[in-house]
Amino acid sequence: MSAEQRVHELGLVLLSVPSPVGNFIPWRRHGDLLYLSGQGPRRADGSISVGKVGLDCTVEQAHADARLVGLQILATIRAAVGSLDRVECVVKLLGMVNAVPEFKDHPKVINGCSDLLIDVFGESGRHARSAVGMGSLPHGMTVEVEAIVALSPNL
């Protein structure tokens, strides 16, 4: 089953890619690699989920936020190359968690994004990953994820 079919089967809704809030672009393609800028959890109404995990946000809430970022990653890939079916594999994620210093479950949070990408791309969605804690993130958002994706040279 293709990735686009899987998105439809899972009932996922991909929103439009937001305009950057700084001096950067949402993606950069170099050869068969697509580099995606870091993205935060944007809801359907355009608002961003904010909070510090371990203080005013639970692991479960941050996990859901990381899943929202996964949906944005999918939307960004589609906007960049026209179809999710162009993805050969997800190469790497860098997941950043806005957390209190004592927080230790960063991987559980970023699994929200990782699990979604594996649900959509299957084994091709398995990726190398870092999940790290941050003292703060832009706009106070709970999580931010950036990605590197390999595109199929045959499509």
C-alpha atoms as a PDB file:
ATOM      1  CA  MET A   1       0.000   0.000   0.000  1.00  0.00           C
ATOM      2  CA  SER A   2       1.328   3.431  -0.888  1.00  0.00           C
ATOM      3  CA  ALA A   3       1.980   6.087   1.725  1.00  0.00           C
ATOM      4  CA  GLU A   4      -0.757   8.291   0.250  1.00  0.00           C
ATOM      5  CA  GLN A   5      -3.231   5.404   0.489  1.00  0.00           C
ATOM      6  CA  ARG A   6      -2.133   4.752   4.058  1.00  0.00           C
ATOM      7  CA  VAL A   7      -2.766   8.397   5.024  1.00  0.00           C
ATOM      8  CA  HIS A   8      -6.272   8.073   3.596  1.00  0.00           C
ATOM      9  CA  GLU A   9      -6.859   4.689   5.298  1.00  0.00           C
ATOM     10  CA  LEU A  10      -5.765   6.074   8.678  1.00  0.00           C
ATOM     11  CA  GLY A  11      -8.075   9.089   8.240  1.00  0.00           C
ATOM     12  CA  LEU A  12      -5.218  11.548   8.707  1.00  0.00           C
ATOM     13  CA  VAL A  13      -5.757  15.206   7.855  1.00  0.00           C
ATOM     14  CA  LEU A  14      -2.699  17.077   6.610  1.00  0.00           C
ATOM     15  CA  LEU A  15      -2.886  20.827   7.038  1.00  0.00           C
ATOM     16  CA  SER A  16      -1.174  23.385   4.833  1.00  0.00           C
ATOM     17  CA  VAL A  17       2.454  24.148   5.574  1.00  0.00           C
ATOM     18  CA  PRO A  18       2.772  27.355   7.625  1.00  0.00           C
ATOM     19  CA  SER A  19       4.984  30.197   6.470  1.00  0.00           C
ATOM     20  CA  PRO A  20       8.307  30.417   8.322  1.00  0.00           C
ATOM     21  CA  VAL A  21       8.435  32.901  11.202  1.00  0.00           C
ATOM     22  CA  GLY A  22      12.116  33.626  10.635  1.00  0.00           C
ATOM     23  CA  ASN A  23      14.730  33.916   7.926  1.00  0.00           C
ATOM     24  CA  PHE A  24      14.643  30.298   6.706  1.00  0.00           C
ATOM     25  CA  ILE A  25      12.704  27.982   4.384  1.00  0.00           C
ATOM     26  CA  PRO A  26      10.519  25.005   5.403  1.00  0.00           C
ATOM     27  CA  TRP A  27      12.618  22.529   3.413  1.00  0.00           C
ATOM     28  CA  ARG A  28      15.720  22.214   1.301  1.00  0.00           C
ATOM     29  CA  ARG A  29      16.249  19.463  -1.239  1.00  0.00           C
ATOM     30  CA  HIS A  30      19.783  18.376  -2.059  1.00  0.00           C
ATOM     31  CA  GLY A  31      19.989  15.492  -4.498  1.00  0.00           C
ATOM     32  CA  ASP A  32      17.759  12.722  -3.225  1.00  0.00           C
ATOM     33  CA  LEU A  33      17.690  14.090   0.338  1.00  0.00           C
ATOM     34  CA  LEU A  34      14.982  16.389   1.682  1.00  0.00           C
ATOM     35  CA  TYR A  35      15.899  18.351   4.826  1.00  0.00           C
ATOM     36  CA  LEU A  36      12.917  19.640   6.809  1.00  0.00           C
ATOM     37  CA  SER A  37      13.234  22.606   9.147  1.00  0.00           C
ATOM     38  CA  GLY A  38      12.181  22.133  12.755  1.00  0.00           C
ATOM     39  CA  GLN A  39       8.440  22.279  13.316  1.00  0.00           C
ATOM     40  CA  GLY A  40       6.269  22.642  16.390  1.00  0.00           C
ATOM     41  CA  PRO A  41       2.818  21.289  17.257  1.00  0.00           C
ATOM     42  CA  ARG A  42       0.325  23.399  15.310  1.00  0.00           C
ATOM     43  CA  ARG A  43      -3.364  22.659  15.792  1.00  0.00           C
ATOM     44  CA  ALA A  44      -6.025  22.869  13.063  1.00  0.00           C
ATOM     45  CA  ASP A  45      -6.989  26.374  14.247  1.00  0.00           C
ATOM     46  CA  GLY A  46      -3.379  27.531  13.759  1.00  0.00           C
ATOM     47  CA  SER A  47      -2.554  27.783  17.459  1.00  0.00           C
ATOM     48  CA  ILE A  48       0.610  26.194  18.832  1.00  0.00           C
ATOM     49  CA  SER A  49       0.641  23.848  21.794  1.00  0.00           C
ATOM     50  CA  VAL A  50       2.800  25.394  24.523  1.00  0.00           C
ATOM     51  CA  GLY A  51       4.119  24.262  27.876  1.00  0.00           C
ATOM     52  CA  LYS A  52       7.027  22.732  29.704  1.00  0.00           C
ATOM     53  CA  VAL A  53       6.875  18.950  30.012  1.00  0.00           C
ATOM     54  CA  GLY A  54       7.090  17.908  33.641  1.00  0.00           C
ATOM     55  CA  LEU A  55       5.674  21.213  34.872  1.00  0.00           C
ATOM     56  CA  ASP A  56       2.476  22.166  33.045  1.00  0.00           C
ATOM     57  CA  CYS A  57       2.352  19.439  30.397  1.00  0.00           C
ATOM     58  CA  THR A  58       2.238  15.651  30.807  1.00  0.00           C
ATOM     59  CA  VAL A  59       4.172  13.056  28.819  1.00  0.00           C
ATOM     60  CA  GLU A  60       0.885  12.012  27.202  1.00  0.00           C
ATOM     61  CA  GLN A  61       0.072  15.565  26.102  1.00  0.00           C
ATOM     62  CA  ALA A  62       3.573  16.077  24.717  1.00  0.00           C
ATOM     63  CA  HIS A  63       3.379  12.694  22.933  1.00  0.00           C
ATOM     64  CA  ALA A  64       0.169  13.888  21.237  1.00  0.00           C
ATOM     65  CA  ASP A  65       1.937  17.143  20.326  1.00  0.00           C
ATOM     66  CA  ALA A  66       4.811  15.183  18.755  1.00  0.00           C
ATOM     67  CA  ARG A  67       2.219  13.288  16.703  1.00  0.00           C
ATOM     68  CA  LEU A  68       0.853  16.645  15.496  1.00  0.00           C
ATOM     69  CA  VAL A  69       4.373  17.528  14.385  1.00  0.00           C
ATOM     70  CA  GLY A  70       4.503  14.218  12.515  1.00  0.00           C
ATOM     71  CA  LEU A  71       1.396  15.273  10.592  1.00  0.00           C
ATOM     72  CA  GLN A  72       3.126  18.553   9.735  1.00  0.00           C
ATOM     73  CA  ILE A  73       6.195  16.667   8.554  1.00  0.00           C
ATOM     74  CA  LEU A  74       3.980  14.639   6.224  1.00  0.00           C
ATOM     75  CA  ALA A  75       2.306  17.807   4.933  1.00  0.00           C
ATOM     76  CA  THR A  76       5.697  19.434   4.365  1.00  0.00           C
ATOM     77  CA  ILE A  77       7.012  16.438   2.429  1.00  0.00           C
ATOM     78  CA  ARG A  78       3.904  16.481   0.244  1.00  0.00           C
ATOM     79  CA  ALA A  79       4.238  20.227  -0.356  1.00  0.00           C
ATOM     80  CA  ALA A  80       7.933  19.860  -1.217  1.00  0.00           C
ATOM     81  CA  VAL A  81       7.763  16.938  -3.647  1.00  0.00           C
ATOM     82  CA  GLY A  82       4.079  16.511  -4.536  1.00  0.00           C
ATOM     83  CA  SER A  83       3.397  13.096  -3.006  1.00  0.00           C
ATOM     84  CA  LEU A  84       4.354  11.043   0.020  1.00  0.00           C
ATOM     85  CA  ASP A  85       4.887   8.166  -2.398  1.00  0.00           C
ATOM     86  CA  ARG A  86       8.159   9.858  -3.422  1.00  0.00           C
ATOM     87  CA  VAL A  87       9.659   8.937  -0.018  1.00  0.00           C
ATOM     88  CA  GLU A  88      12.150   6.087  -0.123  1.00  0.00           C
ATOM     89  CA  CYS A  89      12.759   6.233   3.626  1.00  0.00           C
ATOM     90  CA  VAL A  90      12.832   8.502   6.651  1.00  0.00           C
ATOM     91  CA  VAL A  91      16.543   8.833   7.442  1.00  0.00           C
ATOM     92  CA  LYS A  92      16.731  10.813  10.699  1.00  0.00           C
ATOM     93  CA  LEU A  93      14.703  12.812  13.204  1.00  0.00           C
ATOM     94  CA  LEU A  94      15.898  15.276  15.788  1.00  0.00           C
ATOM     95  CA  GLY A  95      13.228  15.641  18.465  1.00  0.00           C
ATOM     96  CA  MET A  96      13.499  18.438  21.013  1.00  0.00           C
ATOM     97  CA  VAL A  97      11.375  18.498  24.156  1.00  0.00           C
ATOM     98  CA  ASN A  98      10.751  21.659  26.185  1.00  0.00           C
ATOM     99  CA  ALA A  99      11.149  20.067  29.611  1.00  0.00           C
ATOM    100  CA  VAL A 100      12.130  20.681  33.194  1.00  0.00           C
ATOM    101  CA  PRO A 101      15.760  19.728  33.955  1.00  0.00           C
ATOM    102  CA  GLU A 102      14.704  16.607  35.882  1.00  0.00           C
ATOM    103  CA  PHE A 103      12.655  15.179  32.980  1.00  0.00           C
ATOM    104  CA  LYS A 104      13.944  11.853  31.634  1.00  0.00           C
ATOM    105  CA  ASP A 105      11.305  10.512  29.220  1.00  0.00           C
ATOM    106  CA  HIS A 106      12.229  12.431  26.071  1.00  0.00           C
ATOM    107  CA  PRO A 107      12.071   9.274  23.887  1.00  0.00           C
ATOM    108  CA  LYS A 108       8.491   8.559  25.036  1.00  0.00           C
ATOM    109  CA  VAL A 109       7.460  12.041  23.914  1.00  0.00           C
ATOM    110  CA  ILE A 110       9.109  11.905  20.485  1.00  0.00           C
ATOM    111  CA  ASN A 111       7.641   8.434  19.893  1.00  0.00           C
ATOM    112  CA  GLY A 112       4.442  10.318  19.023  1.00  0.00           C
ATOM    113  CA  CYS A 113       6.124  11.492  15.822  1.00  0.00           C
ATOM    114  CA  SER A 114       8.139   8.330  15.178  1.00  0.00           C
ATOM    115  CA  ASP A 115       5.138   6.026  15.578  1.00  0.00           C
ATOM    116  CA  LEU A 116       3.104   8.070  13.089  1.00  0.00           C
ATOM    117  CA  LEU A 117       5.849   7.980  10.453  1.00  0.00           C
ATOM    118  CA  ILE A 118       6.157   4.209  10.843  1.00  0.00           C
ATOM    119  CA  ASP A 119       2.358   3.855  10.612  1.00  0.00           C
ATOM    120  CA  VAL A 120       2.406   5.726   7.293  1.00  0.00           C
ATOM    121  CA  PHE A 121       5.623   4.467   5.687  1.00  0.00           C
ATOM    122  CA  GLY A 122       5.961   1.029   7.305  1.00  0.00           C
ATOM    123  CA  GLU A 123       9.561  -0.205   7.559  1.00  0.00           C
ATOM    124  CA  SER A 124      10.657   2.710   5.363  1.00  0.00           C
ATOM    125  CA  GLY A 125       9.507   4.988   8.173  1.00  0.00           C
ATOM    126  CA  ARG A 126      12.003   3.539  10.687  1.00  0.00           C
ATOM    127  CA  HIS A 127      14.709   6.090  11.257  1.00  0.00           C
ATOM    128  CA  ALA A 128      17.738   7.082  13.255  1.00  0.00           C
ATOM    129  CA  ARG A 129      16.768   9.586  15.941  1.00  0.00           C
ATOM    130  CA  SER A 130      17.856  11.834  18.743  1.00  0.00           C
ATOM    131  CA  ALA A 131      15.413  12.921  21.456  1.00  0.00           C
ATOM    132  CA  VAL A 132      16.807  15.695  23.620  1.00  0.00           C
ATOM    133  CA  GLY A 133      15.635  18.091  26.304  1.00  0.00           C
ATOM    134  CA  MET A 134      15.683  21.849  25.920  1.00  0.00           C
ATOM    135  CA  GLY A 135      15.365  24.629  28.466  1.00  0.00           C
ATOM    136  CA  SER A 136      13.001  26.410  26.082  1.00  0.00           C
ATOM    137  CA  LEU A 137      11.706  26.281  22.519  1.00  0.00           C
ATOM    138  CA  PRO A 138      10.381  29.039  20.227  1.00  0.00           C
ATOM    139  CA  HIS A 139       7.046  30.502  21.354  1.00  0.00           C
ATOM    140  CA  GLY A 140       7.144  28.169  24.386  1.00  0.00           C
ATOM    141  CA  MET A 141       6.068  25.172  22.294  1.00  0.00           C
ATOM    142  CA  THR A 142       6.231  21.743  23.909  1.00  0.00           C
ATOM    143  CA  VAL A 143       8.165  19.930  21.171  1.00  0.00           C
ATOM    144  CA  GLU A 144      10.019  20.618  17.951  1.00  0.00           C
ATOM    145  CA  VAL A 145      11.105  18.023  15.383  1.00  0.00           C
ATOM    146  CA  GLU A 146      13.269  18.289  12.292  1.00  0.00           C
ATOM    147  CA  ALA A 147      13.713  15.508   9.724  1.00  0.00           C
ATOM    148  CA  ILE A 148      15.846  14.209   6.900  1.00  0.00           C
ATOM    149  CA  VAL A 149      14.056  12.122   4.278  1.00  0.00           C
ATOM    150  CA  ALA A 150      15.494  10.173   1.324  1.00  0.00           C
ATOM    151  CA  LEU A 151      13.502  10.453  -1.890  1.00  0.00           C
ATOM    152  CA  SER A 152      13.195   7.740  -4.466  1.00  0.00           C
ATOM    153  CA  PRO A 153      15.376   8.594  -7.471  1.00  0.00           C
ATOM    154  CA  ASN A 154      13.038   6.538  -9.689  1.00  0.00           C
ATOM    155  CA  LEU A 155       9.935   8.695  -9.286  1.00  0.00           C
END
